[in-house]
Every structure is written in C-alpha cells, then in structure tokens.
Amino acid sequence: MAHALSSYDPTSRQENSTVIATDVFGSIRSLAAFRLTGSTKDYAIQLCQIAPRDFRQVWSAADSAGQYLATDPKGRSVMIAAVEKAKLVYILNRDAASNLTISSPLEAHKNNAIIHNIVGLDVGFENPLFAALEVDYSESDQDPTGEAFNTAEKV
C-alpha cells in the first residue's frame, strides 16, 4: 500500500488544487511547519517510521528520536524526541544564498524519563526554549515491589 503526502492550495478556485505531492515509504509520525525569521517561504518537517525489510527483525523505536516533533515559533530551531530519553535539537538558519541550513544535533537527553509531549515556547528573540511533559521512572526502575510505580506522580 503506497502512502503519499500532499499539500493543497486553499486559496485556489479549483477543488483539491495540489501544490506538491510526494510518496512516503512508511508511516508519518509527526509533521510540523516553520518559517525562518525574515523569510517569506514556509517549510515542513516530517518524521516517518520506515518498516524494516525483514519483518522478522525485532526493533524498538522507544529510544530513537522521532516520535515527537516541535518547532520554535520564530523558526530558529526544531526538537525531535523519542518516547524514552532521547531529545535532539537542530538549529535552523540560512546561508548567503538564503538556502535553509540545519546544524548538527545538540543532545538534550534526560535519563530515566518517559516523554509524553514536547512543545516550542514563544520567548520572543531570546534563546529558543522547549518544554517537555515527562515522567521520571528512575525510582520505579529500581523497586522490585512495584510500590514506587504506584506512588510516583503521574501526568
């Protein structure tokens, strides 16, 4: 079964006027739009999960970044996070020819945390700031009785 990601022009008088369409070989996990500061061009970031070629392979995406996606409201950075632990921040910028440039990832991991959601906060032109709803499970992980899990503060 083929999947496609399409963008439509809502101002067009034609019904379903497609601006761009592309095939996606996997499941779209997250999609976010951003605009670089001072730019008139919008960008979209999509995170896809691609199935392994051999379905007998066992793999987990709990600790590989890609489940959650958040952008800075000013379009300066993007955070990609996993369900467990991994959070990566990429700085977005423009080069001399006004092309989008993406930095190497900056790690923002927190051990023993299950992430429920992330969001980019509007802080004006201060350094980009992201918030994460997460639960610390370090005590629960060390408790064989399960009592620490029952008493842990849950979101």
N, C-alpha and C. Protein backbone atom coordinates (compact mmCIF):
# COMPACT_ATOMS: atom_id res chain seq x y z
N MET A 1 0.85 -1.17 0.00
CA MET A 1 0.00 0.00 0.00
C MET A 1 0.90 1.24 0.00
N ALA A 2 0.72 2.13 -0.93
CA ALA A 2 1.52 3.33 -1.05
C ALA A 2 0.90 4.45 -0.22
N HIS A 3 1.76 5.26 0.37
CA HIS A 3 1.33 6.42 1.12
C HIS A 3 1.86 7.66 0.41
N ALA A 4 1.10 8.74 0.48
CA ALA A 4 1.54 9.97 -0.14
C ALA A 4 1.27 11.13 0.79
N LEU A 5 2.13 12.14 0.70
CA LEU A 5 1.96 13.37 1.43
C LEU A 5 1.70 14.44 0.39
N SER A 6 0.56 15.11 0.51
CA SER A 6 0.16 16.12 -0.46
C SER A 6 -0.11 17.43 0.23
N SER A 7 0.19 18.54 -0.45
CA SER A 7 -0.10 19.87 0.04
C SER A 7 -1.06 20.52 -0.95
N TYR A 8 -2.13 21.12 -0.41
CA TYR A 8 -3.16 21.71 -1.26
C TYR A 8 -3.20 23.22 -1.06
N ASP A 9 -3.63 23.94 -2.09
CA ASP A 9 -3.75 25.38 -2.05
C ASP A 9 -5.19 25.74 -1.67
N PRO A 10 -5.41 26.26 -0.45
CA PRO A 10 -6.78 26.57 -0.03
C PRO A 10 -7.35 27.81 -0.71
N THR A 11 -6.50 28.64 -1.34
CA THR A 11 -6.99 29.86 -1.99
C THR A 11 -7.38 29.62 -3.44
N SER A 12 -7.08 28.44 -3.97
CA SER A 12 -7.38 28.14 -5.36
C SER A 12 -8.88 27.94 -5.55
N ARG A 13 -9.38 28.36 -6.70
CA ARG A 13 -10.80 28.17 -7.01
C ARG A 13 -11.08 26.74 -7.48
N GLN A 14 -10.02 26.04 -7.90
CA GLN A 14 -10.18 24.65 -8.30
C GLN A 14 -10.26 23.78 -7.06
N GLU A 15 -11.15 22.80 -7.09
CA GLU A 15 -11.28 21.90 -5.95
C GLU A 15 -10.06 20.97 -5.89
N ASN A 16 -9.49 20.82 -4.70
CA ASN A 16 -8.32 19.97 -4.48
C ASN A 16 -7.15 20.33 -5.38
N SER A 17 -6.78 21.58 -5.40
CA SER A 17 -5.65 22.05 -6.20
C SER A 17 -4.35 21.67 -5.48
N THR A 18 -3.64 20.66 -6.01
CA THR A 18 -2.43 20.14 -5.39
C THR A 18 -1.24 21.04 -5.72
N VAL A 19 -0.51 21.47 -4.68
CA VAL A 19 0.69 22.26 -4.86
C VAL A 19 1.89 21.33 -5.05
N ILE A 20 1.99 20.32 -4.17
CA ILE A 20 3.08 19.35 -4.25
C ILE A 20 2.60 18.04 -3.66
N ALA A 21 3.10 16.94 -4.21
CA ALA A 21 2.78 15.61 -3.69
C ALA A 21 4.03 14.75 -3.78
N THR A 22 4.24 13.95 -2.76
CA THR A 22 5.41 13.07 -2.74
C THR A 22 5.04 11.75 -2.08
N ASP A 23 5.68 10.67 -2.53
CA ASP A 23 5.44 9.36 -1.93
C ASP A 23 6.17 9.26 -0.60
N VAL A 24 5.57 8.58 0.34
CA VAL A 24 6.17 8.35 1.65
C VAL A 24 6.23 6.84 1.84
N PHE A 25 7.43 6.34 2.05
CA PHE A 25 7.62 4.90 2.22
C PHE A 25 7.70 4.57 3.70
N GLY A 26 6.57 4.61 4.36
CA GLY A 26 6.50 4.35 5.79
C GLY A 26 5.28 5.04 6.36
N SER A 27 5.23 5.18 7.66
CA SER A 27 4.13 5.85 8.34
C SER A 27 4.59 7.21 8.83
N ILE A 28 3.81 8.23 8.56
CA ILE A 28 4.14 9.57 9.02
C ILE A 28 3.85 9.64 10.52
N ARG A 29 4.88 9.95 11.30
CA ARG A 29 4.73 10.04 12.76
C ARG A 29 4.38 11.45 13.18
N SER A 30 5.05 12.43 12.63
CA SER A 30 4.85 13.83 13.01
C SER A 30 5.06 14.72 11.80
N LEU A 31 4.41 15.87 11.84
CA LEU A 31 4.54 16.85 10.77
C LEU A 31 4.45 18.23 11.41
N ALA A 32 5.38 19.12 11.08
CA ALA A 32 5.37 20.47 11.64
C ALA A 32 5.82 21.45 10.57
N ALA A 33 5.27 22.64 10.62
CA ALA A 33 5.63 23.70 9.68
C ALA A 33 6.41 24.78 10.43
N PHE A 34 7.30 25.47 9.72
CA PHE A 34 8.02 26.59 10.30
C PHE A 34 8.42 27.55 9.20
N ARG A 35 8.73 28.78 9.62
CA ARG A 35 9.22 29.81 8.71
C ARG A 35 10.43 30.46 9.35
N LEU A 36 11.53 30.50 8.63
CA LEU A 36 12.73 31.14 9.15
C LEU A 36 12.48 32.63 9.36
N THR A 37 13.10 33.21 10.37
CA THR A 37 12.95 34.63 10.67
C THR A 37 13.34 35.47 9.46
N GLY A 38 12.46 36.37 9.05
CA GLY A 38 12.73 37.25 7.93
C GLY A 38 12.49 36.64 6.57
N SER A 39 11.97 35.43 6.53
CA SER A 39 11.73 34.74 5.26
C SER A 39 10.26 34.79 4.89
N THR A 40 9.96 34.59 3.63
CA THR A 40 8.57 34.52 3.18
C THR A 40 8.20 33.10 2.76
N LYS A 41 9.15 32.19 2.92
CA LYS A 41 8.96 30.80 2.49
C LYS A 41 8.67 29.91 3.69
N ASP A 42 7.65 29.07 3.59
CA ASP A 42 7.31 28.12 4.64
C ASP A 42 7.96 26.77 4.35
N TYR A 43 8.37 26.09 5.40
CA TYR A 43 8.97 24.76 5.31
C TYR A 43 8.13 23.78 6.13
N ALA A 44 8.23 22.52 5.78
CA ALA A 44 7.57 21.47 6.55
C ALA A 44 8.61 20.40 6.88
N ILE A 45 8.52 19.92 8.12
CA ILE A 45 9.38 18.81 8.57
C ILE A 45 8.46 17.63 8.81
N GLN A 46 8.81 16.49 8.25
CA GLN A 46 8.03 15.29 8.51
C GLN A 46 8.93 14.21 9.06
N LEU A 47 8.41 13.48 10.03
CA LEU A 47 9.12 12.35 10.60
C LEU A 47 8.39 11.09 10.21
N CYS A 48 9.09 10.16 9.60
CA CYS A 48 8.48 8.92 9.14
C CYS A 48 9.12 7.73 9.84
N GLN A 49 8.32 6.71 10.04
CA GLN A 49 8.84 5.44 10.53
C GLN A 49 8.83 4.49 9.35
N ILE A 50 10.00 4.01 9.01
CA ILE A 50 10.13 3.10 7.87
C ILE A 50 10.22 1.68 8.41
N ALA A 51 9.37 0.81 7.91
CA ALA A 51 9.37 -0.58 8.38
C ALA A 51 10.61 -1.29 7.87
N PRO A 52 11.17 -2.19 8.68
CA PRO A 52 12.34 -2.96 8.21
C PRO A 52 11.96 -3.86 7.05
N ARG A 53 12.91 -4.15 6.19
CA ARG A 53 12.63 -5.02 5.04
C ARG A 53 12.26 -6.42 5.49
N ASP A 54 12.87 -6.89 6.54
CA ASP A 54 12.59 -8.23 7.05
C ASP A 54 11.73 -8.06 8.31
N PHE A 55 10.45 -8.41 8.21
CA PHE A 55 9.53 -8.19 9.31
C PHE A 55 9.80 -9.10 10.50
N ARG A 56 10.73 -10.03 10.37
CA ARG A 56 11.10 -10.87 11.50
C ARG A 56 12.08 -10.15 12.42
N GLN A 57 12.64 -9.04 11.95
CA GLN A 57 13.56 -8.29 12.80
C GLN A 57 12.78 -7.66 13.95
N VAL A 58 13.39 -7.68 15.10
CA VAL A 58 12.78 -7.06 16.27
C VAL A 58 13.52 -5.76 16.53
N TRP A 59 12.77 -4.66 16.60
CA TRP A 59 13.40 -3.38 16.85
C TRP A 59 12.42 -2.51 17.61
N SER A 60 12.95 -1.59 18.37
CA SER A 60 12.14 -0.71 19.18
C SER A 60 12.49 0.73 18.86
N ALA A 61 11.47 1.55 18.75
CA ALA A 61 11.70 2.97 18.48
C ALA A 61 11.52 3.81 19.74
N ALA A 62 11.43 3.16 20.92
CA ALA A 62 11.20 3.89 22.16
C ALA A 62 12.34 4.83 22.50
N ASP A 63 13.57 4.48 22.13
CA ASP A 63 14.69 5.34 22.49
C ASP A 63 15.38 5.97 21.29
N SER A 64 14.77 5.90 20.12
CA SER A 64 15.34 6.59 18.97
C SER A 64 14.44 7.78 18.63
N ALA A 65 15.03 8.96 18.57
CA ALA A 65 14.28 10.19 18.39
C ALA A 65 13.46 10.15 17.10
N GLY A 66 12.24 10.58 17.19
CA GLY A 66 11.39 10.61 16.01
C GLY A 66 9.91 10.51 16.32
N GLN A 67 9.53 10.27 17.55
CA GLN A 67 8.12 10.17 17.90
C GLN A 67 7.48 11.54 18.03
N TYR A 68 8.20 12.48 18.62
CA TYR A 68 7.66 13.82 18.87
C TYR A 68 8.47 14.86 18.12
N LEU A 69 7.79 15.93 17.71
CA LEU A 69 8.41 16.98 16.92
C LEU A 69 7.84 18.32 17.36
N ALA A 70 8.72 19.29 17.61
CA ALA A 70 8.28 20.64 17.98
C ALA A 70 9.21 21.65 17.32
N THR A 71 8.65 22.78 16.92
CA THR A 71 9.45 23.84 16.32
C THR A 71 9.37 25.09 17.19
N ASP A 72 10.43 25.86 17.15
CA ASP A 72 10.45 27.17 17.81
C ASP A 72 9.50 28.08 17.03
N PRO A 73 8.62 28.85 17.71
CA PRO A 73 7.68 29.71 16.98
C PRO A 73 8.35 30.71 16.04
N LYS A 74 9.60 31.07 16.30
CA LYS A 74 10.32 32.01 15.42
C LYS A 74 11.05 31.28 14.29
N GLY A 75 10.95 29.96 14.22
CA GLY A 75 11.56 29.20 13.13
C GLY A 75 13.07 29.08 13.23
N ARG A 76 13.62 29.13 14.45
CA ARG A 76 15.07 29.10 14.61
C ARG A 76 15.60 27.72 14.95
N SER A 77 14.74 26.83 15.46
CA SER A 77 15.21 25.51 15.85
C SER A 77 14.04 24.53 15.87
N VAL A 78 14.41 23.24 15.91
CA VAL A 78 13.42 22.17 15.96
C VAL A 78 13.92 21.13 16.95
N MET A 79 12.99 20.56 17.73
CA MET A 79 13.34 19.48 18.66
C MET A 79 12.64 18.22 18.21
N ILE A 80 13.40 17.13 18.19
CA ILE A 80 12.87 15.81 17.86
C ILE A 80 13.14 14.93 19.08
N ALA A 81 12.10 14.23 19.55
CA ALA A 81 12.25 13.44 20.77
C ALA A 81 11.67 12.05 20.59
N ALA A 82 12.19 11.13 21.40
CA ALA A 82 11.69 9.76 21.45
C ALA A 82 10.76 9.63 22.65
N VAL A 83 10.10 8.50 22.77
CA VAL A 83 9.25 8.24 23.92
C VAL A 83 10.10 8.16 25.18
N GLU A 84 11.27 7.58 25.06
CA GLU A 84 12.12 7.41 26.23
C GLU A 84 13.49 8.05 26.01
N LYS A 85 13.82 9.02 26.83
CA LYS A 85 15.15 9.60 26.96
C LYS A 85 15.58 10.53 25.84
N ALA A 86 15.69 10.10 24.60
CA ALA A 86 16.38 10.85 23.56
C ALA A 86 15.63 12.10 23.11
N LYS A 87 16.34 13.25 23.18
CA LYS A 87 15.83 14.50 22.65
C LYS A 87 16.98 15.18 21.90
N LEU A 88 16.74 15.59 20.67
CA LEU A 88 17.75 16.25 19.84
C LEU A 88 17.22 17.59 19.37
N VAL A 89 18.07 18.62 19.39
CA VAL A 89 17.70 19.95 18.92
C VAL A 89 18.58 20.30 17.73
N TYR A 90 17.96 20.78 16.68
CA TYR A 90 18.67 21.21 15.47
C TYR A 90 18.44 22.71 15.31
N ILE A 91 19.51 23.46 15.07
CA ILE A 91 19.43 24.89 14.82
C ILE A 91 19.19 25.10 13.33
N LEU A 92 18.19 25.92 12.99
CA LEU A 92 17.84 26.21 11.60
C LEU A 92 18.33 27.61 11.25
N ASN A 93 18.91 27.76 10.08
CA ASN A 93 19.45 29.04 9.68
C ASN A 93 19.43 29.15 8.16
N ARG A 94 19.93 30.28 7.64
CA ARG A 94 20.07 30.48 6.19
C ARG A 94 21.52 30.77 5.85
N ASP A 95 21.93 30.30 4.66
CA ASP A 95 23.29 30.64 4.20
C ASP A 95 23.23 31.91 3.38
N ALA A 96 24.34 32.27 2.74
CA ALA A 96 24.43 33.51 1.97
C ALA A 96 23.45 33.53 0.79
N ALA A 97 23.12 32.35 0.27
CA ALA A 97 22.19 32.26 -0.87
C ALA A 97 20.74 32.07 -0.39
N SER A 98 20.48 32.29 0.90
CA SER A 98 19.16 32.16 1.51
C SER A 98 18.61 30.74 1.48
N ASN A 99 19.49 29.75 1.41
CA ASN A 99 19.07 28.35 1.49
C ASN A 99 19.03 27.92 2.95
N LEU A 100 18.10 27.04 3.27
CA LEU A 100 17.98 26.51 4.62
C LEU A 100 19.21 25.67 4.98
N THR A 101 19.77 25.92 6.16
CA THR A 101 20.87 25.10 6.68
C THR A 101 20.42 24.53 8.03
N ILE A 102 20.83 23.30 8.30
CA ILE A 102 20.47 22.61 9.53
C ILE A 102 21.76 22.20 10.23
N SER A 103 21.86 22.53 11.51
CA SER A 103 23.08 22.23 12.27
C SER A 103 23.16 20.74 12.62
N SER A 104 24.30 20.35 13.14
CA SER A 104 24.43 19.03 13.73
C SER A 104 23.54 18.99 14.97
N PRO A 105 23.07 17.81 15.36
CA PRO A 105 22.14 17.75 16.50
C PRO A 105 22.83 18.09 17.83
N LEU A 106 22.10 18.80 18.67
CA LEU A 106 22.53 19.08 20.03
C LEU A 106 21.71 18.17 20.94
N GLU A 107 22.37 17.43 21.81
CA GLU A 107 21.67 16.48 22.66
C GLU A 107 21.04 17.18 23.86
N ALA A 108 19.79 16.82 24.17
CA ALA A 108 19.07 17.36 25.33
C ALA A 108 18.41 16.21 26.08
N HIS A 109 19.14 15.10 26.20
CA HIS A 109 18.60 13.89 26.81
C HIS A 109 18.41 14.03 28.31
N LYS A 110 17.49 13.25 28.85
CA LYS A 110 17.32 13.09 30.29
C LYS A 110 17.12 11.61 30.55
N ASN A 111 18.00 11.02 31.33
CA ASN A 111 17.89 9.59 31.62
C ASN A 111 16.65 9.28 32.45
N ASN A 112 16.15 8.07 32.30
CA ASN A 112 15.03 7.56 33.08
C ASN A 112 13.79 8.44 33.00
N ALA A 113 13.45 8.89 31.80
CA ALA A 113 12.27 9.73 31.61
C ALA A 113 11.43 9.21 30.45
N ILE A 114 10.14 9.15 30.66
CA ILE A 114 9.20 8.81 29.59
C ILE A 114 8.55 10.12 29.16
N ILE A 115 8.65 10.42 27.88
CA ILE A 115 8.18 11.70 27.34
C ILE A 115 6.76 11.53 26.81
N HIS A 116 5.89 12.46 27.20
CA HIS A 116 4.50 12.44 26.73
C HIS A 116 4.27 13.43 25.60
N ASN A 117 4.97 14.55 25.63
CA ASN A 117 4.81 15.55 24.57
C ASN A 117 5.90 16.61 24.71
N ILE A 118 6.18 17.31 23.62
CA ILE A 118 7.10 18.44 23.63
C ILE A 118 6.48 19.59 22.86
N VAL A 119 6.88 20.81 23.20
CA VAL A 119 6.35 22.00 22.53
C VAL A 119 7.42 23.09 22.55
N GLY A 120 7.44 23.90 21.49
CA GLY A 120 8.32 25.06 21.44
C GLY A 120 7.63 26.24 22.08
N LEU A 121 8.34 26.95 22.96
CA LEU A 121 7.76 28.09 23.67
C LEU A 121 8.11 29.40 22.98
N ASP A 122 7.17 30.33 22.99
CA ASP A 122 7.40 31.64 22.39
C ASP A 122 8.08 32.53 23.42
N VAL A 123 9.37 32.76 23.24
CA VAL A 123 10.16 33.59 24.16
C VAL A 123 10.70 34.82 23.44
N GLY A 124 10.01 35.25 22.40
CA GLY A 124 10.48 36.39 21.63
C GLY A 124 11.78 36.03 20.92
N PHE A 125 12.77 36.92 21.04
CA PHE A 125 14.05 36.66 20.39
C PHE A 125 15.12 36.22 21.38
N GLU A 126 14.70 35.73 22.56
CA GLU A 126 15.65 35.09 23.49
C GLU A 126 16.05 33.75 22.87
N ASN A 127 16.95 33.02 23.52
CA ASN A 127 17.34 31.70 23.02
C ASN A 127 16.12 30.79 22.94
N PRO A 128 16.01 29.97 21.89
CA PRO A 128 14.86 29.08 21.77
C PRO A 128 14.71 28.20 23.01
N LEU A 129 13.45 27.94 23.38
CA LEU A 129 13.17 27.17 24.58
C LEU A 129 12.07 26.17 24.28
N PHE A 130 12.25 24.94 24.74
CA PHE A 130 11.27 23.88 24.55
C PHE A 130 10.83 23.35 25.91
N ALA A 131 9.59 22.92 26.00
CA ALA A 131 9.08 22.29 27.22
C ALA A 131 8.70 20.86 26.90
N ALA A 132 8.93 19.97 27.87
CA ALA A 132 8.61 18.56 27.69
C ALA A 132 7.79 18.07 28.88
N LEU A 133 6.70 17.37 28.60
CA LEU A 133 5.96 16.67 29.65
C LEU A 133 6.58 15.29 29.75
N GLU A 134 7.19 15.02 30.89
CA GLU A 134 7.86 13.74 31.05
C GLU A 134 7.71 13.24 32.48
N VAL A 135 7.81 11.94 32.64
CA VAL A 135 7.72 11.30 33.94
C VAL A 135 9.04 10.60 34.22
N ASP A 136 9.60 10.85 35.40
CA ASP A 136 10.85 10.22 35.82
C ASP A 136 10.53 8.85 36.40
N TYR A 137 11.12 7.81 35.84
CA TYR A 137 10.83 6.46 36.31
C TYR A 137 12.04 5.81 37.00
N SER A 138 13.03 6.61 37.40
CA SER A 138 14.25 6.04 37.99
C SER A 138 13.97 5.24 39.26
N GLU A 139 13.11 5.75 40.15
CA GLU A 139 12.79 5.00 41.36
C GLU A 139 11.99 3.74 41.05
N SER A 140 11.08 3.83 40.12
CA SER A 140 10.26 2.67 39.74
C SER A 140 11.11 1.57 39.12
N ASP A 141 12.14 1.97 38.42
CA ASP A 141 13.01 1.01 37.75
C ASP A 141 13.84 0.19 38.75
N GLN A 142 14.12 0.78 39.91
CA GLN A 142 14.95 0.12 40.92
C GLN A 142 14.12 -0.63 41.97
N ASP A 143 12.79 -0.46 41.96
CA ASP A 143 11.94 -1.05 43.00
C ASP A 143 11.31 -2.35 42.53
N PRO A 144 11.72 -3.50 43.08
CA PRO A 144 11.16 -4.79 42.63
C PRO A 144 9.73 -5.04 43.11
N THR A 145 9.29 -4.27 44.13
CA THR A 145 7.93 -4.50 44.68
C THR A 145 6.85 -3.82 43.84
N GLY A 146 7.20 -2.79 43.10
CA GLY A 146 6.22 -2.06 42.30
C GLY A 146 5.56 -0.93 43.06
N GLU A 147 5.91 -0.75 44.32
CA GLU A 147 5.31 0.30 45.15
C GLU A 147 5.71 1.70 44.66
N ALA A 148 6.95 1.86 44.22
CA ALA A 148 7.40 3.16 43.72
C ALA A 148 6.60 3.60 42.50
N PHE A 149 6.21 2.65 41.66
CA PHE A 149 5.38 2.99 40.50
C PHE A 149 4.01 3.48 40.95
N ASN A 150 3.44 2.82 41.95
CA ASN A 150 2.10 3.20 42.42
C ASN A 150 2.10 4.57 43.09
N THR A 151 3.20 4.95 43.74
CA THR A 151 3.25 6.24 44.42
C THR A 151 3.86 7.35 43.57
N ALA A 152 4.38 7.02 42.39
CA ALA A 152 5.01 8.03 41.53
C ALA A 152 3.97 9.02 41.03
N GLU A 153 4.38 10.28 40.95
CA GLU A 153 3.49 11.32 40.43
C GLU A 153 3.37 11.15 38.92
N LYS A 154 2.13 11.03 38.45
CA LYS A 154 1.89 10.80 37.02
C LYS A 154 1.18 12.01 36.44
N VAL A 155 1.46 12.27 35.18
CA VAL A 155 0.87 13.42 34.49
C VAL A 155 -0.55 13.08 34.11
